[in-house]
């Protein structure tokens, strides 16, 4: 396979749980990534936003930026104009950094219950599905026009999480405009068989996140009904090879299909408990056993 391996900075510095990894510097994070032979990473809140400064920092470690998450609220038609304006600015930044993918996720219909540490997700109505797809198509066209691909990230605690929701998204969207980000951990978290998702939607997949799941933690987390970030705090995710997902058939499928592109390692753990460098090396060594 003509694969480029990257690793997410979220393994060191969490984007939502601010105390996780807040002591790390961009220099330290990138130095540790590069020491293990990773070629790229996604944007991190510790990185400089200035394009020239960021390019210089990445180049000093012989690494590149691959993408950055972008939440959208296209299911609300009254927000399309402001959402597209923000999306274009985001895509322009990634294009300037040489990225070819824009990681995108609809993040609407959330009702927070902070007192009980829970979030309720209201399924999209048929009308909201239509509005979301309309917005995604506009965003996807903008990406196409700028030599990039919009890769939709199905994700825990969002309106596109389950196998049924992924299927509906794929059925309703134009394959030339909307591609899929294949995430093993979020597939499993959402009750999907990761291998099934890969086999069923391979032709739509343009970008990959690999992370593993600690099944006993997930079972208790779902039973308790706490919000997604509480699952992260409990240690629901880990690096490939350290959880319950069987990656051997996944890599066999990727090799049979001759996958080309980025594979990004993720974990989302507390760096005080799970040393990021140790787990990154563990993942790198495990992936080598699957490809040798």
C-alpha atoms as a PDB file:
ATOM      1  CA  UNK A   1       0.000   0.000   0.000  1.00  0.00           C
ATOM      2  CA  UNK A   2       1.120   3.538  -0.712  1.00  0.00           C
ATOM      3  CA  UNK A   3       0.296   4.683   2.799  1.00  0.00           C
ATOM      4  CA  UNK A   4       1.507   7.685   4.740  1.00  0.00           C
ATOM      5  CA  UNK A   5       1.334   7.224   8.502  1.00  0.00           C
ATOM      6  CA  UNK A   6       0.495  10.143  10.721  1.00  0.00           C
ATOM      7  CA  UNK A   7      -0.542  10.521  14.323  1.00  0.00           C
ATOM      8  CA  UNK A   8      -2.986  12.927  15.884  1.00  0.00           C
ATOM      9  CA  UNK A   9      -1.759  15.499  18.355  1.00  0.00           C
ATOM     10  CA  UNK A  10      -4.876  14.715  20.387  1.00  0.00           C
ATOM     11  CA  UNK A  11      -2.892  11.803  21.827  1.00  0.00           C
ATOM     12  CA  UNK A  12      -0.836  14.451  23.638  1.00  0.00           C
ATOM     13  CA  UNK A  13      -3.123  17.493  23.813  1.00  0.00           C
ATOM     14  CA  UNK A  14      -6.884  17.004  24.032  1.00  0.00           C
ATOM     15  CA  UNK A  15      -8.949  19.572  22.180  1.00  0.00           C
ATOM     16  CA  UNK A  16     -11.995  19.370  24.482  1.00  0.00           C
ATOM     17  CA  UNK A  17     -10.604  18.393  27.869  1.00  0.00           C
ATOM     18  CA  UNK A  18      -8.235  21.320  28.214  1.00  0.00           C
ATOM     19  CA  UNK A  19      -6.319  20.040  31.223  1.00  0.00           C
ATOM     20  CA  UNK A  20      -5.252  16.957  29.282  1.00  0.00           C
ATOM     21  CA  UNK A  21      -1.807  17.744  27.926  1.00  0.00           C
ATOM     22  CA  UNK A  22      -1.980  21.465  28.462  1.00  0.00           C
ATOM     23  CA  UNK A  23       1.642  21.448  29.643  1.00  0.00           C
ATOM     24  CA  UNK A  24       2.934  20.160  26.309  1.00  0.00           C
ATOM     25  CA  UNK A  25       4.488  22.490  23.766  1.00  0.00           C
ATOM     26  CA  UNK A  26       4.127  22.136  20.017  1.00  0.00           C
ATOM     27  CA  UNK A  27       7.880  21.565  19.808  1.00  0.00           C
ATOM     28  CA  UNK A  28       7.759  18.617  22.214  1.00  0.00           C
ATOM     29  CA  UNK A  29       4.709  17.025  20.605  1.00  0.00           C
ATOM     30  CA  UNK A  30       6.174  17.179  17.095  1.00  0.00           C
ATOM     31  CA  UNK A  31       9.614  16.038  18.248  1.00  0.00           C
ATOM     32  CA  UNK A  32       8.144  12.915  19.832  1.00  0.00           C
ATOM     33  CA  UNK A  33       5.987  12.169  16.781  1.00  0.00           C
ATOM     34  CA  UNK A  34       8.906  12.549  14.400  1.00  0.00           C
ATOM     35  CA  UNK A  35      11.154  10.364  16.555  1.00  0.00           C
ATOM     36  CA  UNK A  36       8.907   7.405  15.739  1.00  0.00           C
ATOM     37  CA  UNK A  37       8.851   8.033  12.006  1.00  0.00           C
ATOM     38  CA  UNK A  38       5.375   9.533  11.658  1.00  0.00           C
ATOM     39  CA  UNK A  39       5.104  11.789   8.622  1.00  0.00           C
ATOM     40  CA  UNK A  40       2.187  14.045   9.459  1.00  0.00           C
ATOM     41  CA  UNK A  41      -0.350  15.217  12.006  1.00  0.00           C
ATOM     42  CA  UNK A  42      -3.596  17.144  12.299  1.00  0.00           C
ATOM     43  CA  UNK A  43      -3.811  20.656  13.660  1.00  0.00           C
ATOM     44  CA  UNK A  44      -3.491  21.088  17.429  1.00  0.00           C
ATOM     45  CA  UNK A  45      -4.422  24.021  19.668  1.00  0.00           C
ATOM     46  CA  UNK A  46      -0.757  24.249  20.682  1.00  0.00           C
ATOM     47  CA  UNK A  47       0.389  24.870  17.114  1.00  0.00           C
ATOM     48  CA  UNK A  48       0.915  28.385  15.755  1.00  0.00           C
ATOM     49  CA  UNK A  49      -1.912  29.646  13.541  1.00  0.00           C
ATOM     50  CA  UNK A  50       0.410  31.766  11.426  1.00  0.00           C
ATOM     51  CA  UNK A  51       0.908  29.814   8.211  1.00  0.00           C
ATOM     52  CA  UNK A  52       4.602  30.597   7.736  1.00  0.00           C
ATOM     53  CA  UNK A  53       5.434  29.844  11.376  1.00  0.00           C
ATOM     54  CA  UNK A  54       3.531  26.562  11.277  1.00  0.00           C
ATOM     55  CA  UNK A  55       5.143  25.489   8.017  1.00  0.00           C
ATOM     56  CA  UNK A  56       8.577  26.253   9.415  1.00  0.00           C
ATOM     57  CA  UNK A  57       7.899  24.320  12.624  1.00  0.00           C
ATOM     58  CA  UNK A  58       6.576  21.265  10.781  1.00  0.00           C
ATOM     59  CA  UNK A  59       9.414  21.342   8.251  1.00  0.00           C
ATOM     60  CA  UNK A  60      11.957  21.386  11.070  1.00  0.00           C
ATOM     61  CA  UNK A  61      10.597  17.966  12.090  1.00  0.00           C
ATOM     62  CA  UNK A  62      10.177  16.757   8.487  1.00  0.00           C
ATOM     63  CA  UNK A  63       6.427  16.558   8.995  1.00  0.00           C
ATOM     64  CA  UNK A  64       3.346  17.997   7.318  1.00  0.00           C
ATOM     65  CA  UNK A  65      -0.154  19.025   8.333  1.00  0.00           C
ATOM     66  CA  UNK A  66      -2.787  16.590   7.061  1.00  0.00           C
ATOM     67  CA  UNK A  67      -6.068  18.234   8.109  1.00  0.00           C
ATOM     68  CA  UNK A  68      -8.098  19.772  10.924  1.00  0.00           C
ATOM     69  CA  UNK A  69     -11.541  19.028  12.322  1.00  0.00           C
ATOM     70  CA  UNK A  70     -14.371  21.362  11.335  1.00  0.00           C
ATOM     71  CA  UNK A  71     -17.759  21.249  13.057  1.00  0.00           C
ATOM     72  CA  UNK A  72     -20.688  22.482  10.967  1.00  0.00           C
ATOM     73  CA  UNK A  73     -24.363  23.169  11.633  1.00  0.00           C
ATOM     74  CA  UNK A  74     -25.789  22.801   8.156  1.00  0.00           C
ATOM     75  CA  UNK A  75     -28.992  21.124   9.390  1.00  0.00           C
ATOM     76  CA  UNK A  76     -30.192  24.631  10.327  1.00  0.00           C
ATOM     77  CA  UNK A  77     -30.840  26.483   7.032  1.00  0.00           C
ATOM     78  CA  UNK A  78     -30.799  29.869   8.758  1.00  0.00           C
ATOM     79  CA  UNK A  79     -27.110  29.315   9.544  1.00  0.00           C
ATOM     80  CA  UNK A  80     -25.947  28.226   6.077  1.00  0.00           C
ATOM     81  CA  UNK A  81     -24.470  31.570   5.090  1.00  0.00           C
ATOM     82  CA  UNK A  82     -22.411  32.049   8.263  1.00  0.00           C
ATOM     83  CA  UNK A  83     -21.441  28.380   8.348  1.00  0.00           C
ATOM     84  CA  UNK A  84     -20.195  28.458   4.760  1.00  0.00           C
ATOM     85  CA  UNK A  85     -18.230  31.630   5.393  1.00  0.00           C
ATOM     86  CA  UNK A  86     -16.484  29.983   8.335  1.00  0.00           C
ATOM     87  CA  UNK A  87     -15.986  26.753   6.391  1.00  0.00           C
ATOM     88  CA  UNK A  88     -14.366  28.573   3.456  1.00  0.00           C
ATOM     89  CA  UNK A  89     -11.937  30.345   5.801  1.00  0.00           C
ATOM     90  CA  UNK A  90     -11.096  27.011   7.410  1.00  0.00           C
ATOM     91  CA  UNK A  91     -10.568  25.322   4.054  1.00  0.00           C
ATOM     92  CA  UNK A  92      -8.439  28.222   2.834  1.00  0.00           C
ATOM     93  CA  UNK A  93      -6.130  27.780   5.820  1.00  0.00           C
ATOM     94  CA  UNK A  94      -5.770  24.055   5.156  1.00  0.00           C
ATOM     95  CA  UNK A  95      -5.140  24.661   1.468  1.00  0.00           C
ATOM     96  CA  UNK A  96      -2.387  27.149   2.324  1.00  0.00           C
ATOM     97  CA  UNK A  97      -0.835  24.424   4.503  1.00  0.00           C
ATOM     98  CA  UNK A  98      -0.877  21.973   1.613  1.00  0.00           C
ATOM     99  CA  UNK A  99      -3.652  19.769   3.031  1.00  0.00           C
ATOM    100  CA  UNK A 100      -5.794  17.676   0.697  1.00  0.00           C
ATOM    101  CA  UNK A 101      -8.566  16.784   3.148  1.00  0.00           C
ATOM    102  CA  UNK A 102     -11.022  18.763   5.264  1.00  0.00           C
ATOM    103  CA  UNK A 103     -12.364  16.725   8.186  1.00  0.00           C
ATOM    104  CA  UNK A 104     -16.006  17.719   8.642  1.00  0.00           C
ATOM    105  CA  UNK A 105     -18.781  16.721  11.062  1.00  0.00           C
ATOM    106  CA  UNK A 106     -22.330  17.937  11.643  1.00  0.00           C
ATOM    107  CA  UNK A 107     -22.474  18.877  15.326  1.00  0.00           C
ATOM    108  CA  UNK A 108     -26.047  20.066  15.745  1.00  0.00           C
ATOM    109  CA  UNK A 109     -29.016  18.879  17.834  1.00  0.00           C
ATOM    110  CA  UNK A 110     -27.158  18.582  21.136  1.00  0.00           C
ATOM    111  CA  UNK A 111     -28.826  19.400  24.435  1.00  0.00           C
ATOM    112  CA  UNK A 112     -26.394  19.549  27.346  1.00  0.00           C
ATOM    113  CA  UNK A 113     -27.301  18.381  30.840  1.00  0.00           C
ATOM    114  CA  UNK A 114     -24.207  19.615  32.653  1.00  0.00           C
ATOM    115  CA  UNK A 115     -25.589  18.846  36.096  1.00  0.00           C
ATOM    116  CA  UNK A 116     -25.694  15.138  35.249  1.00  0.00           C
ATOM    117  CA  UNK A 117     -22.722  15.129  32.861  1.00  0.00           C
ATOM    118  CA  UNK A 118     -24.894  14.008  29.958  1.00  0.00           C
ATOM    119  CA  UNK A 119     -25.801  15.168  26.463  1.00  0.00           C
ATOM    120  CA  UNK A 120     -28.968  14.325  24.554  1.00  0.00           C
ATOM    121  CA  UNK A 121     -28.754  14.037  20.767  1.00  0.00           C
ATOM    122  CA  UNK A 122     -32.004  14.601  18.890  1.00  0.00           C
ATOM    123  CA  UNK A 123     -32.088  12.677  15.588  1.00  0.00           C
ATOM    124  CA  UNK A 124     -32.338  14.840  12.504  1.00  0.00           C
ATOM    125  CA  UNK A 125     -35.756  15.241  10.944  1.00  0.00           C
ATOM    126  CA  UNK A 126     -36.151  14.529   7.235  1.00  0.00           C
ATOM    127  CA  UNK A 127     -36.079  18.271   6.594  1.00  0.00           C
ATOM    128  CA  UNK A 128     -32.904  18.660   8.641  1.00  0.00           C
ATOM    129  CA  UNK A 129     -31.269  15.827   6.727  1.00  0.00           C
ATOM    130  CA  UNK A 130     -32.045  17.684   3.523  1.00  0.00           C
ATOM    131  CA  UNK A 131     -30.629  20.955   4.823  1.00  0.00           C
ATOM    132  CA  UNK A 132     -27.488  19.228   6.102  1.00  0.00           C
ATOM    133  CA  UNK A 133     -26.844  17.505   2.796  1.00  0.00           C
ATOM    134  CA  UNK A 134     -27.389  20.755   0.908  1.00  0.00           C
ATOM    135  CA  UNK A 135     -24.782  22.464   3.072  1.00  0.00           C
ATOM    136  CA  UNK A 136     -22.348  19.574   2.813  1.00  0.00           C
ATOM    137  CA  UNK A 137     -22.635  19.608  -0.970  1.00  0.00           C
ATOM    138  CA  UNK A 138     -21.820  23.317  -1.066  1.00  0.00           C
ATOM    139  CA  UNK A 139     -18.849  22.765   1.221  1.00  0.00           C
ATOM    140  CA  UNK A 140     -17.756  19.719  -0.763  1.00  0.00           C
ATOM    141  CA  UNK A 141     -17.894  21.685  -3.985  1.00  0.00           C
ATOM    142  CA  UNK A 142     -15.739  24.405  -2.444  1.00  0.00           C
ATOM    143  CA  UNK A 143     -13.206  21.770  -1.446  1.00  0.00           C
ATOM    144  CA  UNK A 144     -13.245  20.269  -4.950  1.00  0.00           C
ATOM    145  CA  UNK A 145     -12.744  23.672  -6.523  1.00  0.00           C
ATOM    146  CA  UNK A 146      -9.648  24.099  -4.358  1.00  0.00           C
ATOM    147  CA  UNK A 147      -8.111  20.693  -4.996  1.00  0.00           C
ATOM    148  CA  UNK A 148      -9.224  19.151  -1.695  1.00  0.00           C
ATOM    149  CA  UNK A 149     -11.752  16.588  -0.479  1.00  0.00           C
ATOM    150  CA  UNK A 150     -14.384  16.967   2.206  1.00  0.00           C
ATOM    151  CA  UNK A 151     -14.133  13.846   4.364  1.00  0.00           C
ATOM    152  CA  UNK A 152     -17.140  13.357   6.614  1.00  0.00           C
ATOM    153  CA  UNK A 153     -16.287  12.095  10.110  1.00  0.00           C
ATOM    154  CA  UNK A 154     -19.040   9.945  11.614  1.00  0.00           C
ATOM    155  CA  UNK A 155     -18.532  10.440  15.323  1.00  0.00           C
ATOM    156  CA  UNK A 156     -19.804   9.465  18.744  1.00  0.00           C
ATOM    157  CA  UNK A 157     -22.356  11.822  20.262  1.00  0.00           C
ATOM    158  CA  UNK A 158     -23.343  13.338  16.916  1.00  0.00           C
ATOM    159  CA  UNK A 159     -26.263  12.985  14.513  1.00  0.00           C
ATOM    160  CA  UNK A 160     -24.291  10.660  12.215  1.00  0.00           C
ATOM    161  CA  UNK A 161     -22.958   7.873  14.411  1.00  0.00           C
ATOM    162  CA  UNK A 162     -24.812   4.598  13.871  1.00  0.00           C
ATOM    163  CA  UNK A 163     -24.641   2.240  10.911  1.00  0.00           C
ATOM    164  CA  UNK A 164     -28.090   3.396   9.792  1.00  0.00           C
ATOM    165  CA  UNK A 165     -27.104   7.056   9.953  1.00  0.00           C
ATOM    166  CA  UNK A 166     -23.884   6.424   8.019  1.00  0.00           C
ATOM    167  CA  UNK A 167     -25.856   4.534   5.367  1.00  0.00           C
ATOM    168  CA  UNK A 168     -28.343   7.390   5.005  1.00  0.00           C
ATOM    169  CA  UNK A 169     -25.546   9.939   4.672  1.00  0.00           C
ATOM    170  CA  UNK A 170     -23.876   7.893   1.951  1.00  0.00           C
ATOM    171  CA  UNK A 171     -27.183   7.389   0.101  1.00  0.00           C
ATOM    172  CA  UNK A 172     -28.128  11.056   0.194  1.00  0.00           C
ATOM    173  CA  UNK A 173     -24.791  12.606  -0.733  1.00  0.00           C
ATOM    174  CA  UNK A 174     -22.948  12.959  -4.032  1.00  0.00           C
ATOM    175  CA  UNK A 175     -19.929  10.652  -4.041  1.00  0.00           C
ATOM    176  CA  UNK A 176     -17.976  13.198  -6.066  1.00  0.00           C
ATOM    177  CA  UNK A 177     -18.403  15.823  -3.352  1.00  0.00           C
ATOM    178  CA  UNK A 178     -18.686  13.968  -0.035  1.00  0.00           C
ATOM    179  CA  UNK A 179     -16.085  11.400   0.958  1.00  0.00           C
ATOM    180  CA  UNK A 180     -15.876   9.374   4.139  1.00  0.00           C
ATOM    181  CA  UNK A 181     -13.393   9.477   6.988  1.00  0.00           C
ATOM    182  CA  UNK A 182     -13.109   5.885   8.179  1.00  0.00           C
ATOM    183  CA  UNK A 183     -12.605   5.796  11.945  1.00  0.00           C
ATOM    184  CA  UNK A 184     -12.338   2.346  13.521  1.00  0.00           C
ATOM    185  CA  UNK A 185     -12.836   3.569  17.080  1.00  0.00           C
ATOM    186  CA  UNK A 186     -15.900   5.665  16.368  1.00  0.00           C
ATOM    187  CA  UNK A 187     -17.405   2.880  14.277  1.00  0.00           C
ATOM    188  CA  UNK A 188     -17.161   0.517  17.231  1.00  0.00           C
ATOM    189  CA  UNK A 189     -18.288   3.190  19.702  1.00  0.00           C
ATOM    190  CA  UNK A 190     -21.387   3.752  17.559  1.00  0.00           C
ATOM    191  CA  UNK A 191     -22.294   0.068  17.524  1.00  0.00           C
ATOM    192  CA  UNK A 192     -20.922  -0.652  14.041  1.00  0.00           C
ATOM    193  CA  UNK A 193     -18.604  -3.424  12.892  1.00  0.00           C
ATOM    194  CA  UNK A 194     -15.519  -1.516  11.680  1.00  0.00           C
ATOM    195  CA  UNK A 195     -14.769  -4.155   9.030  1.00  0.00           C
ATOM    196  CA  UNK A 196     -18.321  -3.920   7.687  1.00  0.00           C
ATOM    197  CA  UNK A 197     -18.066  -0.138   7.385  1.00  0.00           C
ATOM    198  CA  UNK A 198     -14.752  -0.487   5.535  1.00  0.00           C
ATOM    199  CA  UNK A 199     -16.032  -3.122   3.121  1.00  0.00           C
ATOM    200  CA  UNK A 200     -19.362  -1.433   2.474  1.00  0.00           C
ATOM    201  CA  UNK A 201     -18.145   2.107   1.886  1.00  0.00           C
ATOM    202  CA  UNK A 202     -14.574   1.576   0.738  1.00  0.00           C
ATOM    203  CA  UNK A 203     -15.121   3.483  -2.507  1.00  0.00           C
ATOM    204  CA  UNK A 204     -16.139   6.567  -0.518  1.00  0.00           C
ATOM    205  CA  UNK A 205     -13.238   6.401   1.972  1.00  0.00           C
ATOM    206  CA  UNK A 206     -10.497   8.988   1.395  1.00  0.00           C
ATOM    207  CA  UNK A 207      -8.900   9.304   4.837  1.00  0.00           C
ATOM    208  CA  UNK A 208      -8.445   6.997   7.829  1.00  0.00           C
ATOM    209  CA  UNK A 209      -8.286   7.313  11.618  1.00  0.00           C
ATOM    210  CA  UNK A 210      -7.165   4.218  13.508  1.00  0.00           C
ATOM    211  CA  UNK A 211      -7.940   3.920  17.192  1.00  0.00           C
ATOM    212  CA  UNK A 212      -8.906   1.057  19.449  1.00  0.00           C
ATOM    213  CA  UNK A 213     -11.556   0.618  22.139  1.00  0.00           C
ATOM    214  CA  UNK A 214     -11.430  -0.867  25.619  1.00  0.00           C
ATOM    215  CA  UNK A 215     -14.651  -2.861  25.477  1.00  0.00           C
ATOM    216  CA  UNK A 216     -15.235  -3.187  29.230  1.00  0.00           C
ATOM    217  CA  UNK A 217     -14.938   0.582  29.573  1.00  0.00           C
ATOM    218  CA  UNK A 218     -17.303   1.173  26.645  1.00  0.00           C
ATOM    219  CA  UNK A 219     -19.930  -1.207  28.038  1.00  0.00           C
ATOM    220  CA  UNK A 220     -19.953   0.532  31.409  1.00  0.00           C
ATOM    221  CA  UNK A 221     -19.872   3.978  29.813  1.00  0.00           C
ATOM    222  CA  UNK A 222     -22.882   3.258  27.601  1.00  0.00           C
ATOM    223  CA  UNK A 223     -24.720   1.694  30.532  1.00  0.00           C
ATOM    224  CA  UNK A 224     -24.163   4.816  32.642  1.00  0.00           C
ATOM    225  CA  UNK A 225     -25.176   7.087  29.777  1.00  0.00           C
ATOM    226  CA  UNK A 226     -22.580   9.752  30.401  1.00  0.00           C
ATOM    227  CA  UNK A 227     -21.416  12.189  27.747  1.00  0.00           C
ATOM    228  CA  UNK A 228     -18.695  11.313  25.250  1.00  0.00           C
ATOM    229  CA  UNK A 229     -15.880  13.168  26.973  1.00  0.00           C
ATOM    230  CA  UNK A 230     -16.578  11.209  30.165  1.00  0.00           C
ATOM    231  CA  UNK A 231     -15.837   8.093  28.145  1.00  0.00           C
ATOM    232  CA  UNK A 232     -12.510   9.639  27.192  1.00  0.00           C
ATOM    233  CA  UNK A 233     -11.806  10.361  30.848  1.00  0.00           C
ATOM    234  CA  UNK A 234     -12.589   6.754  31.710  1.00  0.00           C
ATOM    235  CA  UNK A 235     -10.167   5.512  29.068  1.00  0.00           C
ATOM    236  CA  UNK A 236     -12.581   4.142  26.478  1.00  0.00           C
ATOM    237  CA  UNK A 237     -10.098   4.736  23.633  1.00  0.00           C
ATOM    238  CA  UNK A 238      -6.559   3.519  23.153  1.00  0.00           C
ATOM    239  CA  UNK A 239      -4.114   3.013  20.293  1.00  0.00           C
ATOM    240  CA  UNK A 240      -4.500   0.219  17.702  1.00  0.00           C
ATOM    241  CA  UNK A 241      -3.541  -3.157  19.101  1.00  0.00           C
ATOM    242  CA  UNK A 242      -4.320  -2.281  22.719  1.00  0.00           C
ATOM    243  CA  UNK A 243      -8.080  -2.848  22.721  1.00  0.00           C
ATOM    244  CA  UNK A 244     -10.793  -5.138  21.416  1.00  0.00           C
ATOM    245  CA  UNK A 245     -10.843  -4.316  17.687  1.00  0.00           C
ATOM    246  CA  UNK A 246      -9.391  -6.946  15.371  1.00  0.00           C
ATOM    247  CA  UNK A 247      -7.207  -4.969  12.960  1.00  0.00           C
ATOM    248  CA  UNK A 248      -5.853  -7.940  11.005  1.00  0.00           C
ATOM    249  CA  UNK A 249      -8.866  -8.303   8.660  1.00  0.00           C
ATOM    250  CA  UNK A 250      -9.046  -4.532   8.363  1.00  0.00           C
ATOM    251  CA  UNK A 251      -5.477  -4.370   7.086  1.00  0.00           C
ATOM    252  CA  UNK A 252      -6.034  -7.387   4.867  1.00  0.00           C
ATOM    253  CA  UNK A 253      -8.940  -5.524   3.274  1.00  0.00           C
ATOM    254  CA  UNK A 254      -6.884  -2.349   2.867  1.00  0.00           C
ATOM    255  CA  UNK A 255      -4.058  -4.309   1.260  1.00  0.00           C
ATOM    256  CA  UNK A 256      -6.392  -6.181  -1.075  1.00  0.00           C
ATOM    257  CA  UNK A 257      -7.910  -2.880  -2.153  1.00  0.00           C
ATOM    258  CA  UNK A 258      -4.451  -1.299  -2.446  1.00  0.00           C
ATOM    259  CA  UNK A 259      -5.384   1.676  -0.276  1.00  0.00           C
ATOM    260  CA  UNK A 260      -3.448   4.864  -0.929  1.00  0.00           C
ATOM    261  CA  UNK A 261      -3.434   7.820   1.424  1.00  0.00           C
ATOM    262  CA  UNK A 262      -3.184   8.876   5.023  1.00  0.00           C
ATOM    263  CA  UNK A 263      -3.656   6.619   8.017  1.00  0.00           C
ATOM    264  CA  UNK A 264      -3.735   8.654  11.232  1.00  0.00           C
ATOM    265  CA  UNK A 265      -3.235   6.973  14.618  1.00  0.00           C
ATOM    266  CA  UNK A 266      -5.455   8.266  17.442  1.00  0.00           C
ATOM    267  CA  UNK A 267      -6.106   7.391  21.065  1.00  0.00           C
ATOM    268  CA  UNK A 268      -7.576  10.279  23.153  1.00  0.00           C
ATOM    269  CA  UNK A 269      -6.225   9.320  26.554  1.00  0.00           C
ATOM    270  CA  UNK A 270      -5.147  11.170  29.673  1.00  0.00           C
ATOM    271  CA  UNK A 271      -1.413  11.746  29.041  1.00  0.00           C
ATOM    272  CA  UNK A 272      -0.744  11.686  32.780  1.00  0.00           C
ATOM    273  CA  UNK A 273      -1.943   8.070  32.857  1.00  0.00           C
ATOM    274  CA  UNK A 274      -1.126   6.902  29.326  1.00  0.00           C
ATOM    275  CA  UNK A 275       2.235   8.343  28.263  1.00  0.00           C
ATOM    276  CA  UNK A 276       1.696   9.520  24.663  1.00  0.00           C
ATOM    277  CA  UNK A 277       5.180   8.618  23.432  1.00  0.00           C
ATOM    278  CA  UNK A 278       4.955   5.111  24.906  1.00  0.00           C
ATOM    279  CA  UNK A 279       1.537   4.479  23.364  1.00  0.00           C
ATOM    280  CA  UNK A 280       2.530   6.023  20.028  1.00  0.00           C
ATOM    281  CA  UNK A 281       5.501   3.673  19.843  1.00  0.00           C
ATOM    282  CA  UNK A 282       3.290   0.757  20.834  1.00  0.00           C
ATOM    283  CA  UNK A 283       0.918   1.600  17.987  1.00  0.00           C
ATOM    284  CA  UNK A 284       3.734   2.035  15.467  1.00  0.00           C
ATOM    285  CA  UNK A 285       5.217  -1.351  16.376  1.00  0.00           C
ATOM    286  CA  UNK A 286       1.818  -3.036  16.187  1.00  0.00           C
ATOM    287  CA  UNK A 287       1.055  -1.566  12.757  1.00  0.00           C
ATOM    288  CA  UNK A 288       4.390  -2.856  11.484  1.00  0.00           C
ATOM    289  CA  UNK A 289       3.347  -6.400  12.404  1.00  0.00           C
ATOM    290  CA  UNK A 290       0.230  -5.992  10.251  1.00  0.00           C
ATOM    291  CA  UNK A 291       2.120  -4.862   7.166  1.00  0.00           C
ATOM    292  CA  UNK A 292       5.275  -6.963   7.221  1.00  0.00           C
END
